[in-house]
PDB file of N, CA and C in Angstrom:
ATOM      1  N   MET A   1      13.365 -38.949  36.674  1.00  0.00           N
ATOM      2  CA  MET A   1      14.867 -38.654  36.566  1.00  0.00           C
ATOM      3  C   MET A   1      14.877 -37.741  35.212  1.00  0.00           C
ATOM      4  N   LYS A   2      15.655 -36.819  35.349  1.00  0.00           N
ATOM      5  CA  LYS A   2      16.238 -35.558  34.457  1.00  0.00           C
ATOM      6  C   LYS A   2      16.895 -36.429  33.221  1.00  0.00           C
ATOM      7  N   PRO A   3      16.658 -35.952  32.001  1.00  0.00           N
ATOM      8  CA  PRO A   3      17.367 -36.412  30.900  1.00  0.00           C
ATOM      9  C   PRO A   3      18.924 -36.544  31.236  1.00  0.00           C
ATOM     10  N   ILE A   4      19.597 -37.616  30.716  1.00  0.00           N
ATOM     11  CA  ILE A   4      21.032 -37.643  30.866  1.00  0.00           C
ATOM     12  C   ILE A   4      21.752 -37.298  29.715  1.00  0.00           C
ATOM     13  N   CYS A   5      22.988 -36.355  30.001  1.00  0.00           N
ATOM     14  CA  CYS A   5      23.716 -35.706  28.678  1.00  0.00           C
ATOM     15  C   CYS A   5      25.203 -36.078  28.929  1.00  0.00           C
ATOM     16  N   LYS A   6      26.033 -35.769  28.245  1.00  0.00           N
ATOM     17  CA  LYS A   6      27.387 -36.352  28.357  1.00  0.00           C
ATOM     18  C   LYS A   6      28.355 -35.425  28.601  1.00  0.00           C
ATOM     19  N   LEU A   7      29.651 -35.336  29.173  1.00  0.00           N
ATOM     20  CA  LEU A   7      30.893 -35.071  29.184  1.00  0.00           C
ATOM     21  C   LEU A   7      31.853 -35.563  28.820  1.00  0.00           C
ATOM     22  N   VAL A   8      33.049 -35.111  28.301  1.00  0.00           N
ATOM     23  CA  VAL A   8      34.253 -35.704  28.238  1.00  0.00           C
ATOM     24  C   VAL A   8      35.102 -35.310  29.255  1.00  0.00           C
ATOM     25  N   THR A   9      35.779 -36.064  30.173  1.00  0.00           N
ATOM     26  CA  THR A   9      36.591 -35.787  31.079  1.00  0.00           C
ATOM     27  C   THR A   9      38.143 -36.650  30.786  1.00  0.00           C
ATOM     28  N   ALA A  10      39.227 -36.307  31.639  1.00  0.00           N
ATOM     29  CA  ALA A  10      40.234 -36.625  31.276  1.00  0.00           C
ATOM     30  C   ALA A  10      41.331 -35.835  32.700  1.00  0.00           C
ATOM     31  N   ASN A  11      42.456 -36.632  32.505  1.00  0.00           N
ATOM     32  CA  ASN A  11      43.666 -35.790  33.204  1.00  0.00           C
ATOM     33  C   ASN A  11      44.632 -35.068  32.633  1.00  0.00           C
ATOM     34  N   ARG A  12      44.798 -34.001  32.922  1.00  0.00           N
ATOM     35  CA  ARG A  12      45.958 -33.090  32.216  1.00  0.00           C
ATOM     36  C   ARG A  12      47.299 -33.944  32.694  1.00  0.00           C
ATOM     37  N   LEU A  13      47.969 -34.001  31.363  1.00  0.00           N
ATOM     38  CA  LEU A  13      49.188 -34.804  31.518  1.00  0.00           C
ATOM     39  C   LEU A  13      50.202 -33.994  32.411  1.00  0.00           C
ATOM     40  N   ALA A  14      50.137 -32.741  32.120  1.00  0.00           N
ATOM     41  CA  ALA A  14      51.268 -31.961  32.883  1.00  0.00           C
ATOM     42  C   ALA A  14      51.232 -32.160  34.379  1.00  0.00           C
ATOM     43  N   ASP A  15      50.260 -32.114  34.826  1.00  0.00           N
ATOM     44  CA  ASP A  15      50.076 -32.233  36.546  1.00  0.00           C
ATOM     45  C   ASP A  15      48.914 -33.116  37.236  1.00  0.00           C
ATOM     46  N   GLY A  16      48.292 -33.855  36.184  1.00  0.00           N
ATOM     47  CA  GLY A  16      47.481 -34.752  36.714  1.00  0.00           C
ATOM     48  C   GLY A  16      45.940 -34.107  37.104  1.00  0.00           C
ATOM     49  N   GLU A  17      45.633 -33.032  37.094  1.00  0.00           N
ATOM     50  CA  GLU A  17      44.637 -32.286  37.115  1.00  0.00           C
ATOM     51  C   GLU A  17      43.374 -32.970  36.595  1.00  0.00           C
ATOM     52  N   VAL A  18      42.168 -33.131  37.297  1.00  0.00           N
ATOM     53  CA  VAL A  18      40.913 -33.389  36.484  1.00  0.00           C
ATOM     54  C   VAL A  18      40.485 -32.327  35.365  1.00  0.00           C
ATOM     55  N   VAL A  19      40.321 -32.404  34.308  1.00  0.00           N
ATOM     56  CA  VAL A  19      39.584 -31.810  33.563  1.00  0.00           C
ATOM     57  C   VAL A  19      38.663 -32.089  32.546  1.00  0.00           C
ATOM     58  N   TRP A  20      37.875 -31.120  32.079  1.00  0.00           N
ATOM     59  CA  TRP A  20      36.800 -31.599  31.092  1.00  0.00           C
ATOM     60  C   TRP A  20      36.890 -30.798  29.837  1.00  0.00           C
ATOM     61  N   LEU A  21      36.344 -31.402  29.069  1.00  0.00           N
ATOM     62  CA  LEU A  21      36.208 -30.657  27.512  1.00  0.00           C
ATOM     63  C   LEU A  21      35.511 -29.588  27.513  1.00  0.00           C
ATOM     64  N   GLY A  22      35.887 -28.319  27.364  1.00  0.00           N
ATOM     65  CA  GLY A  22      35.055 -27.107  27.126  1.00  0.00           C
ATOM     66  C   GLY A  22      34.702 -26.773  25.794  1.00  0.00           C
ATOM     67  N   ALA A  23      34.218 -25.572  25.442  1.00  0.00           N
ATOM     68  CA  ALA A  23      33.792 -24.892  24.233  1.00  0.00           C
ATOM     69  C   ALA A  23      35.245 -24.671  23.690  1.00  0.00           C
ATOM     70  N   HIS A  24      35.168 -24.919  22.300  1.00  0.00           N
ATOM     71  CA  HIS A  24      36.211 -24.510  21.314  1.00  0.00           C
ATOM     72  C   HIS A  24      37.536 -25.713  21.826  1.00  0.00           C
ATOM     73  N   GLY A  25      37.054 -26.757  22.187  1.00  0.00           N
ATOM     74  CA  GLY A  25      38.491 -27.771  22.511  1.00  0.00           C
ATOM     75  C   GLY A  25      39.234 -27.355  23.502  1.00  0.00           C
ATOM     76  N   ALA A  26      38.793 -26.595  24.304  1.00  0.00           N
ATOM     77  CA  ALA A  26      39.449 -26.197  25.532  1.00  0.00           C
ATOM     78  C   ALA A  26      39.271 -27.065  26.561  1.00  0.00           C
ATOM     79  N   TRP A  27      40.583 -27.578  27.277  1.00  0.00           N
ATOM     80  CA  TRP A  27      40.380 -28.282  28.660  1.00  0.00           C
ATOM     81  C   TRP A  27      40.109 -27.409  29.805  1.00  0.00           C
ATOM     82  N   VAL A  28      39.002 -27.609  30.321  1.00  0.00           N
ATOM     83  CA  VAL A  28      38.737 -26.589  31.565  1.00  0.00           C
ATOM     84  C   VAL A  28      38.891 -27.436  32.822  1.00  0.00           C
ATOM     85  N   GLU A  29      39.077 -26.590  34.121  1.00  0.00           N
ATOM     86  CA  GLU A  29      39.343 -27.237  35.303  1.00  0.00           C
ATOM     87  C   GLU A  29      38.034 -27.478  36.233  1.00  0.00           C
ATOM     88  N   THR A  30      37.179 -26.822  35.808  1.00  0.00           N
ATOM     89  CA  THR A  30      35.585 -26.913  36.431  1.00  0.00           C
ATOM     90  C   THR A  30      34.717 -27.638  35.741  1.00  0.00           C
ATOM     91  N   ILE A  31      33.810 -28.466  36.320  1.00  0.00           N
ATOM     92  CA  ILE A  31      32.704 -28.808  35.592  1.00  0.00           C
ATOM     93  C   ILE A  31      31.659 -28.024  34.881  1.00  0.00           C
ATOM     94  N   GLU A  32      31.912 -26.910  35.706  1.00  0.00           N
ATOM     95  CA  GLU A  32      30.636 -25.957  35.526  1.00  0.00           C
ATOM     96  C   GLU A  32      30.853 -25.307  34.185  1.00  0.00           C
ATOM     97  N   ASN A  33      32.464 -25.324  33.727  1.00  0.00           N
ATOM     98  CA  ASN A  33      32.571 -24.763  32.223  1.00  0.00           C
ATOM     99  C   ASN A  33      32.768 -25.919  31.114  1.00  0.00           C
ATOM    100  N   ALA A  34      32.299 -27.256  31.636  1.00  0.00           N
ATOM    101  CA  ALA A  34      32.381 -28.095  30.583  1.00  0.00           C
ATOM    102  C   ALA A  34      31.386 -27.999  29.545  1.00  0.00           C
ATOM    103  N   LEU A  35      31.761 -28.558  28.235  1.00  0.00           N
ATOM    104  CA  LEU A  35      30.945 -28.658  27.144  1.00  0.00           C
ATOM    105  C   LEU A  35      29.848 -29.537  27.598  1.00  0.00           C
ATOM    106  N   VAL A  36      28.335 -29.584  27.618  1.00  0.00           N
ATOM    107  CA  VAL A  36      27.344 -30.599  27.837  1.00  0.00           C
ATOM    108  C   VAL A  36      26.932 -30.879  26.400  1.00  0.00           C
ATOM    109  N   LEU A  37      27.024 -32.244  26.209  1.00  0.00           N
ATOM    110  CA  LEU A  37      27.141 -32.948  24.872  1.00  0.00           C
ATOM    111  C   LEU A  37      25.627 -33.609  25.144  1.00  0.00           C
ATOM    112  N   GLU A  38      24.565 -32.995  24.035  1.00  0.00           N
ATOM    113  CA  GLU A  38      23.401 -33.867  24.192  1.00  0.00           C
ATOM    114  C   GLU A  38      22.831 -34.352  23.026  1.00  0.00           C
ATOM    115  N   ASP A  39      23.615 -34.556  22.057  1.00  0.00           N
ATOM    116  CA  ASP A  39      23.300 -35.733  21.032  1.00  0.00           C
ATOM    117  C   ASP A  39      24.460 -36.575  20.527  1.00  0.00           C
ATOM    118  N   PRO A  40      24.312 -37.867  19.808  1.00  0.00           N
ATOM    119  CA  PRO A  40      25.310 -38.591  19.367  1.00  0.00           C
ATOM    120  C   PRO A  40      26.410 -37.885  18.671  1.00  0.00           C
ATOM    121  N   ALA A  41      26.098 -36.956  17.744  1.00  0.00           N
ATOM    122  CA  ALA A  41      26.886 -36.403  16.965  1.00  0.00           C
ATOM    123  C   ALA A  41      27.981 -35.472  17.591  1.00  0.00           C
ATOM    124  N   ALA A  42      27.577 -34.761  18.549  1.00  0.00           N
ATOM    125  CA  ALA A  42      28.286 -33.762  19.531  1.00  0.00           C
ATOM    126  C   ALA A  42      29.232 -34.739  20.284  1.00  0.00           C
ATOM    127  N   VAL A  43      28.770 -35.625  21.000  1.00  0.00           N
ATOM    128  CA  VAL A  43      29.523 -36.870  21.704  1.00  0.00           C
ATOM    129  C   VAL A  43      30.701 -37.395  20.552  1.00  0.00           C
ATOM    130  N   GLU A  44      30.507 -37.408  19.694  1.00  0.00           N
ATOM    131  CA  GLU A  44      31.371 -38.181  18.504  1.00  0.00           C
ATOM    132  C   GLU A  44      32.475 -37.048  18.194  1.00  0.00           C
ATOM    133  N   ALA A  45      32.143 -35.975  18.078  1.00  0.00           N
ATOM    134  CA  ALA A  45      32.963 -34.919  17.994  1.00  0.00           C
ATOM    135  C   ALA A  45      34.100 -34.550  18.943  1.00  0.00           C
ATOM    136  N   ALA A  46      33.236 -34.743  20.544  1.00  0.00           N
ATOM    137  CA  ALA A  46      34.216 -34.396  21.343  1.00  0.00           C
ATOM    138  C   ALA A  46      35.111 -35.516  21.591  1.00  0.00           C
ATOM    139  N   GLU A  47      34.717 -36.781  21.576  1.00  0.00           N
ATOM    140  CA  GLU A  47      35.733 -37.890  21.725  1.00  0.00           C
ATOM    141  C   GLU A  47      36.670 -37.686  20.639  1.00  0.00           C
ATOM    142  N   ALA A  48      36.444 -37.104  19.498  1.00  0.00           N
ATOM    143  CA  ALA A  48      37.656 -37.011  18.629  1.00  0.00           C
ATOM    144  C   ALA A  48      38.550 -35.975  18.957  1.00  0.00           C
ATOM    145  N   ALA A  49      37.893 -35.085  19.502  1.00  0.00           N
ATOM    146  CA  ALA A  49      38.796 -33.958  19.855  1.00  0.00           C
ATOM    147  C   ALA A  49      39.886 -34.548  21.395  1.00  0.00           C
ATOM    148  N   ALA A  50      39.106 -35.432  21.813  1.00  0.00           N
ATOM    149  CA  ALA A  50      40.153 -35.911  23.189  1.00  0.00           C
ATOM    150  C   ALA A  50      40.775 -36.963  22.411  1.00  0.00           C
ATOM    151  N   VAL A  51      40.628 -37.841  21.490  1.00  0.00           N
ATOM    152  CA  VAL A  51      41.950 -38.380  20.701  1.00  0.00           C
ATOM    153  C   VAL A  51      42.850 -37.595  20.307  1.00  0.00           C
ATOM    154  N   ARG A  52      42.662 -36.229  19.685  1.00  0.00           N
ATOM    155  CA  ARG A  52      43.700 -35.447  19.288  1.00  0.00           C
ATOM    156  C   ARG A  52      44.425 -35.106  20.476  1.00  0.00           C
ATOM    157  N   ALA A  53      43.765 -34.592  21.658  1.00  0.00           N
ATOM    158  CA  ALA A  53      44.373 -33.970  22.410  1.00  0.00           C
ATOM    159  C   ALA A  53      45.436 -35.147  23.287  1.00  0.00           C
ATOM    160  N   VAL A  54      44.948 -36.504  23.447  1.00  0.00           N
ATOM    161  CA  VAL A  54      45.721 -37.625  23.727  1.00  0.00           C
ATOM    162  C   VAL A  54      47.063 -37.837  23.072  1.00  0.00           C
ATOM    163  N   ALA A  55      46.576 -37.528  21.544  1.00  0.00           N
ATOM    164  CA  ALA A  55      47.981 -37.720  20.628  1.00  0.00           C
ATOM    165  C   ALA A  55      49.170 -36.701  20.924  1.00  0.00           C
ATOM    166  N   ALA A  56      48.337 -35.230  21.356  1.00  0.00           N
ATOM    167  CA  ALA A  56      49.284 -34.313  21.187  1.00  0.00           C
ATOM    168  C   ALA A  56      50.180 -34.166  22.822  1.00  0.00           C
ATOM    169  N   ASN A  57      49.593 -35.117  23.543  1.00  0.00           N
ATOM    170  CA  ASN A  57      50.292 -35.359  24.893  1.00  0.00           C
ATOM    171  C   ASN A  57      49.732 -34.452  25.865  1.00  0.00           C
ATOM    172  N   GLU A  58      48.322 -33.834  25.630  1.00  0.00           N
ATOM    173  CA  GLU A  58      48.003 -32.850  26.489  1.00  0.00           C
ATOM    174  C   GLU A  58      47.243 -33.534  27.942  1.00  0.00           C
ATOM    175  N   ILE A  59      46.592 -34.875  27.525  1.00  0.00           N
ATOM    176  CA  ILE A  59      45.809 -35.379  28.421  1.00  0.00           C
ATOM    177  C   ILE A  59      45.778 -36.888  28.514  1.00  0.00           C
ATOM    178  N   VAL A  60      45.382 -37.321  29.524  1.00  0.00           N
ATOM    179  CA  VAL A  60      45.296 -39.019  29.371  1.00  0.00           C
ATOM    180  C   VAL A  60      44.031 -39.515  30.003  1.00  0.00           C
ATOM    181  N   ASP A  61      43.599 -40.856  30.122  1.00  0.00           N
ATOM    182  CA  ASP A  61      42.435 -41.252  30.780  1.00  0.00           C
ATOM    183  C   ASP A  61      41.326 -40.663  30.247  1.00  0.00           C
ATOM    184  N   VAL A  62      41.061 -40.587  29.066  1.00  0.00           N
ATOM    185  CA  VAL A  62      39.879 -40.075  28.669  1.00  0.00           C
ATOM    186  C   VAL A  62      38.661 -40.882  29.002  1.00  0.00           C
ATOM    187  N   ASP A  63      37.509 -40.254  29.395  1.00  0.00           N
ATOM    188  CA  ASP A  63      36.048 -40.961  29.693  1.00  0.00           C
ATOM    189  C   ASP A  63      35.189 -40.177  29.182  1.00  0.00           C
ATOM    190  N   THR A  64      34.007 -40.710  28.727  1.00  0.00           N
ATOM    191  CA  THR A  64      32.829 -40.003  28.575  1.00  0.00           C
ATOM    192  C   THR A  64      32.053 -40.427  29.607  1.00  0.00           C
ATOM    193  N   ILE A  65      31.399 -39.242  30.308  1.00  0.00           N
ATOM    194  CA  ILE A  65      30.809 -39.644  31.432  1.00  0.00           C
ATOM    195  C   ILE A  65      29.169 -39.230  31.435  1.00  0.00           C
ATOM    196  N   ASP A  66      28.175 -39.859  31.965  1.00  0.00           N
ATOM    197  CA  ASP A  66      26.802 -39.420  31.945  1.00  0.00           C
ATOM    198  C   ASP A  66      26.555 -38.230  33.186  1.00  0.00           C
ATOM    199  N   VAL A  67      25.646 -37.287  32.918  1.00  0.00           N
ATOM    200  CA  VAL A  67      25.459 -36.427  33.987  1.00  0.00           C
ATOM    201  C   VAL A  67      24.085 -35.788  33.588  1.00  0.00           C
ATOM    202  N   THR A  68      23.260 -35.372  34.791  1.00  0.00           N
ATOM    203  CA  THR A  68      21.859 -34.904  34.709  1.00  0.00           C
ATOM    204  C   THR A  68      22.079 -33.578  34.795  1.00  0.00           C
ATOM    205  N   ARG A  69      21.229 -32.912  34.313  1.00  0.00           N
ATOM    206  CA  ARG A  69      20.782 -31.210  34.188  1.00  0.00           C
ATOM    207  C   ARG A  69      20.101 -31.035  35.694  1.00  0.00           C
ATOM    208  N   GLN A  70      20.800 -30.094  36.507  1.00  0.00           N
ATOM    209  CA  GLN A  70      19.965 -30.074  37.984  1.00  0.00           C
ATOM    210  C   GLN A  70      20.539 -28.313  38.091  1.00  0.00           C
ATOM    211  N   GLY A  71      19.154 -27.513  37.984  1.00  0.00           N
ATOM    212  CA  GLY A  71      19.284 -26.094  37.918  1.00  0.00           C
ATOM    213  C   GLY A  71      20.050 -25.685  36.476  1.00  0.00           C
ATOM    214  N   ALA A  72      21.172 -24.713  36.756  1.00  0.00           N
ATOM    215  CA  ALA A  72      22.094 -23.928  35.895  1.00  0.00           C
ATOM    216  C   ALA A  72      23.149 -25.051  35.454  1.00  0.00           C
ATOM    217  N   GLY A  73      23.377 -26.110  36.345  1.00  0.00           N
ATOM    218  CA  GLY A  73      24.420 -26.987  36.083  1.00  0.00           C
ATOM    219  C   GLY A  73      24.279 -28.267  35.832  1.00  0.00           C
ATOM    220  N   VAL A  74      25.198 -29.275  35.997  1.00  0.00           N
ATOM    221  CA  VAL A  74      25.013 -30.946  35.665  1.00  0.00           C
ATOM    222  C   VAL A  74      25.671 -31.262  36.759  1.00  0.00           C
ATOM    223  N   VAL A  75      25.189 -32.391  37.102  1.00  0.00           N
ATOM    224  CA  VAL A  75      25.946 -33.253  38.090  1.00  0.00           C
ATOM    225  C   VAL A  75      26.119 -34.651  37.586  1.00  0.00           C
ATOM    226  N   PRO A  76      27.154 -35.192  37.943  1.00  0.00           N
ATOM    227  CA  PRO A  76      27.563 -36.627  37.380  1.00  0.00           C
ATOM    228  C   PRO A  76      26.629 -37.590  38.137  1.00  0.00           C
ATOM    229  N   VAL A  77      26.488 -38.615  37.244  1.00  0.00           N
ATOM    230  CA  VAL A  77      25.599 -39.537  37.421  1.00  0.00           C
ATOM    231  C   VAL A  77      26.123 -40.433  38.665  1.00  0.00           C
ATOM    232  N   ARG A  78      27.803 -40.981  38.398  1.00  0.00           N
ATOM    233  CA  ARG A  78      28.180 -41.784  39.248  1.00  0.00           C
ATOM    234  C   ARG A  78      29.199 -41.242  40.072  1.00  0.00           C
ATOM    235  N   LEU A  79      29.067 -41.793  41.385  1.00  0.00           N
ATOM    236  CA  LEU A  79      29.919 -41.124  42.436  1.00  0.00           C
ATOM    237  C   LEU A  79      30.977 -40.858  42.329  1.00  0.00           C
ATOM    238  N   ARG A  80      31.749 -41.749  41.411  1.00  0.00           N
ATOM    239  CA  ARG A  80      33.252 -41.783  41.429  1.00  0.00           C
ATOM    240  C   ARG A  80      33.331 -40.157  40.441  1.00  0.00           C
ATOM    241  N   GLU A  81      32.561 -39.976  39.610  1.00  0.00           N
ATOM    242  CA  GLU A  81      32.797 -38.639  38.840  1.00  0.00           C
ATOM    243  C   GLU A  81      32.431 -37.384  39.672  1.00  0.00           C
ATOM    244  N   ARG A  82      31.539 -37.683  40.589  1.00  0.00           N
ATOM    245  CA  ARG A  82      31.283 -36.446  41.326  1.00  0.00           C
ATOM    246  C   ARG A  82      32.359 -35.924  42.408  1.00  0.00           C
ATOM    247  N   ILE A  83      33.046 -37.143  42.774  1.00  0.00           N
ATOM    248  CA  ILE A  83      34.282 -37.113  43.583  1.00  0.00           C
ATOM    249  C   ILE A  83      35.385 -36.345  42.849  1.00  0.00           C
ATOM    250  N   ARG A  84      35.576 -36.815  41.663  1.00  0.00           N
ATOM    251  CA  ARG A  84      36.611 -36.387  40.899  1.00  0.00           C
ATOM    252  C   ARG A  84      36.284 -34.703  40.601  1.00  0.00           C
ATOM    253  N   ALA A  85      34.904 -34.265  40.424  1.00  0.00           N
ATOM    254  CA  ALA A  85      34.786 -33.082  40.185  1.00  0.00           C
ATOM    255  C   ALA A  85      34.610 -32.110  41.148  1.00  0.00           C
ATOM    256  N   ALA A  86      34.846 -32.649  42.526  1.00  0.00           N
ATOM    257  CA  ALA A  86      34.878 -31.723  43.643  1.00  0.00           C
ATOM    258  C   ALA A  86      36.233 -32.192  44.331  1.00  0.00           C
ATOM    259  N   GLY A  87      37.053 -32.980  43.929  1.00  0.00           N
ATOM    260  CA  GLY A  87      38.360 -33.154  44.719  1.00  0.00           C
ATOM    261  C   GLY A  87      38.272 -34.115  45.663  1.00  0.00           C
ATOM    262  N   PRO A  88      39.499 -34.246  46.533  1.00  0.00           N
ATOM    263  CA  PRO A  88      39.793 -35.525  47.670  1.00  0.00           C
ATOM    264  C   PRO A  88      38.743 -35.340  48.417  1.00  0.00           C
ATOM    265  N   THR A  89      37.986 -36.708  48.954  1.00  0.00           N
ATOM    266  CA  THR A  89      37.276 -36.521  50.042  1.00  0.00           C
ATOM    267  C   THR A  89      37.881 -36.462  51.554  1.00  0.00           C
ATOM    268  N   PHE A  90      39.278 -36.873  51.532  1.00  0.00           N
ATOM    269  CA  PHE A  90      39.600 -36.969  53.050  1.00  0.00           C
ATOM    270  C   PHE A  90      40.436 -35.610  53.568  1.00  0.00           C
ATOM    271  N   ARG A  91      40.522 -34.682  52.621  1.00  0.00           N
ATOM    272  CA  ARG A  91      40.901 -33.140  52.995  1.00  0.00           C
ATOM    273  C   ARG A  91      40.232 -32.182  52.257  1.00  0.00           C
ATOM    274  N   THR A  92      39.049 -31.601  52.909  1.00  0.00           N
ATOM    275  CA  THR A  92      38.335 -30.853  52.016  1.00  0.00           C
ATOM    276  C   THR A  92      39.106 -29.340  51.914  1.00  0.00           C
ATOM    277  N   ASP A  93      40.216 -29.078  52.548  1.00  0.00           N
ATOM    278  CA  ASP A  93      41.184 -28.010  52.165  1.00  0.00           C
ATOM    279  C   ASP A  93      42.236 -27.802  50.910  1.00  0.00           C
ATOM    280  N   LEU A  94      41.892 -29.219  50.560  1.00  0.00           N
ATOM    281  CA  LEU A  94      42.454 -29.322  49.073  1.00  0.00           C
ATOM    282  C   LEU A  94      41.523 -29.597  47.867  1.00  0.00           C
ATOM    283  N   GLY A  95      42.207 -29.301  46.833  1.00  0.00           N
ATOM    284  CA  GLY A  95      41.382 -29.661  45.717  1.00  0.00           C
ATOM    285  C   GLY A  95      40.309 -28.689  45.327  1.00  0.00           C
ATOM    286  N   LYS A  96      39.401 -28.880  44.459  1.00  0.00           N
ATOM    287  CA  LYS A  96      38.271 -28.135  43.848  1.00  0.00           C
ATOM    288  C   LYS A  96      37.436 -27.491  44.764  1.00  0.00           C
ATOM    289  N   GLN A  97      37.251 -28.268  45.946  1.00  0.00           N
ATOM    290  CA  GLN A  97      36.303 -27.953  46.826  1.00  0.00           C
ATOM    291  C   GLN A  97      36.705 -26.725  47.746  1.00  0.00           C
ATOM    292  N   ALA A  98      38.057 -26.854  48.009  1.00  0.00           N
ATOM    293  CA  ALA A  98      38.756 -25.636  48.881  1.00  0.00           C
ATOM    294  C   ALA A  98      38.538 -24.468  47.800  1.00  0.00           C
ATOM    295  N   GLN A  99      39.118 -24.742  46.795  1.00  0.00           N
ATOM    296  CA  GLN A  99      39.071 -23.388  45.644  1.00  0.00           C
ATOM    297  C   GLN A  99      37.651 -22.698  46.111  1.00  0.00           C
ATOM    298  N   ALA A 100      36.551 -23.441  45.882  1.00  0.00           N
ATOM    299  CA  ALA A 100      35.275 -22.945  45.667  1.00  0.00           C
ATOM    300  C   ALA A 100      35.132 -22.757  47.155  1.00  0.00           C
ATOM    301  N   SER A 101      35.605 -22.903  48.270  1.00  0.00           N
ATOM    302  CA  SER A 101      35.057 -22.402  49.555  1.00  0.00           C
ATOM    303  C   SER A 101      35.767 -21.254  49.617  1.00  0.00           C
ATOM    304  N   ARG A 102      37.182 -21.082  49.254  1.00  0.00           N
ATOM    305  CA  ARG A 102      37.916 -19.762  49.158  1.00  0.00           C
ATOM    306  C   ARG A 102      37.236 -18.732  48.424  1.00  0.00           C
ATOM    307  N   ALA A 103      36.599 -19.153  47.485  1.00  0.00           N
ATOM    308  CA  ALA A 103      35.385 -18.212  46.378  1.00  0.00           C
ATOM    309  C   ALA A 103      34.588 -17.580  47.079  1.00  0.00           C
ATOM    310  N   PHE A 104      33.956 -18.618  48.072  1.00  0.00           N
ATOM    311  CA  PHE A 104      32.850 -18.404  48.621  1.00  0.00           C
ATOM    312  C   PHE A 104      32.944 -17.133  49.933  1.00  0.00           C
ATOM    313  N   ASP A 105      34.259 -17.750  50.848  1.00  0.00           N
ATOM    314  CA  ASP A 105      34.662 -16.908  51.875  1.00  0.00           C
ATOM    315  C   ASP A 105      35.009 -15.290  51.018  1.00  0.00           C
ATOM    316  N   ALA A 106      35.206 -15.234  49.927  1.00  0.00           N
ATOM    317  CA  ALA A 106      35.839 -13.862  49.662  1.00  0.00           C
ATOM    318  C   ALA A 106      34.732 -13.032  49.233  1.00  0.00           C
ATOM    319  N   ALA A 107      33.486 -13.846  48.860  1.00  0.00           N
ATOM    320  CA  ALA A 107      32.295 -13.108  47.929  1.00  0.00           C
ATOM    321  C   ALA A 107      31.890 -12.223  49.558  1.00  0.00           C
TER     322      ALA A 107
END
């Protein structure tokens, strides 16, 4: 089993979109751009940034999740988080997987 790292995820309050904490405190829409946290101090700092974003009414439903490194990216350990990263399972023409598919088709 590969070492487990952490990400901080939430939902953007304005539109409900799943987001992850990225570099410099920005909330990003793709897991590929998420800030990977590898030590307890980094996790604590990221969670503090999330608390500030909740107080500023930017995000809701904050969670710190486990991920494993696979190749150049990360994959959530829990199935629930893998689904949140990809989008709805019942309509693959919607959500993040549809955006990825359109980008692949354009390439």
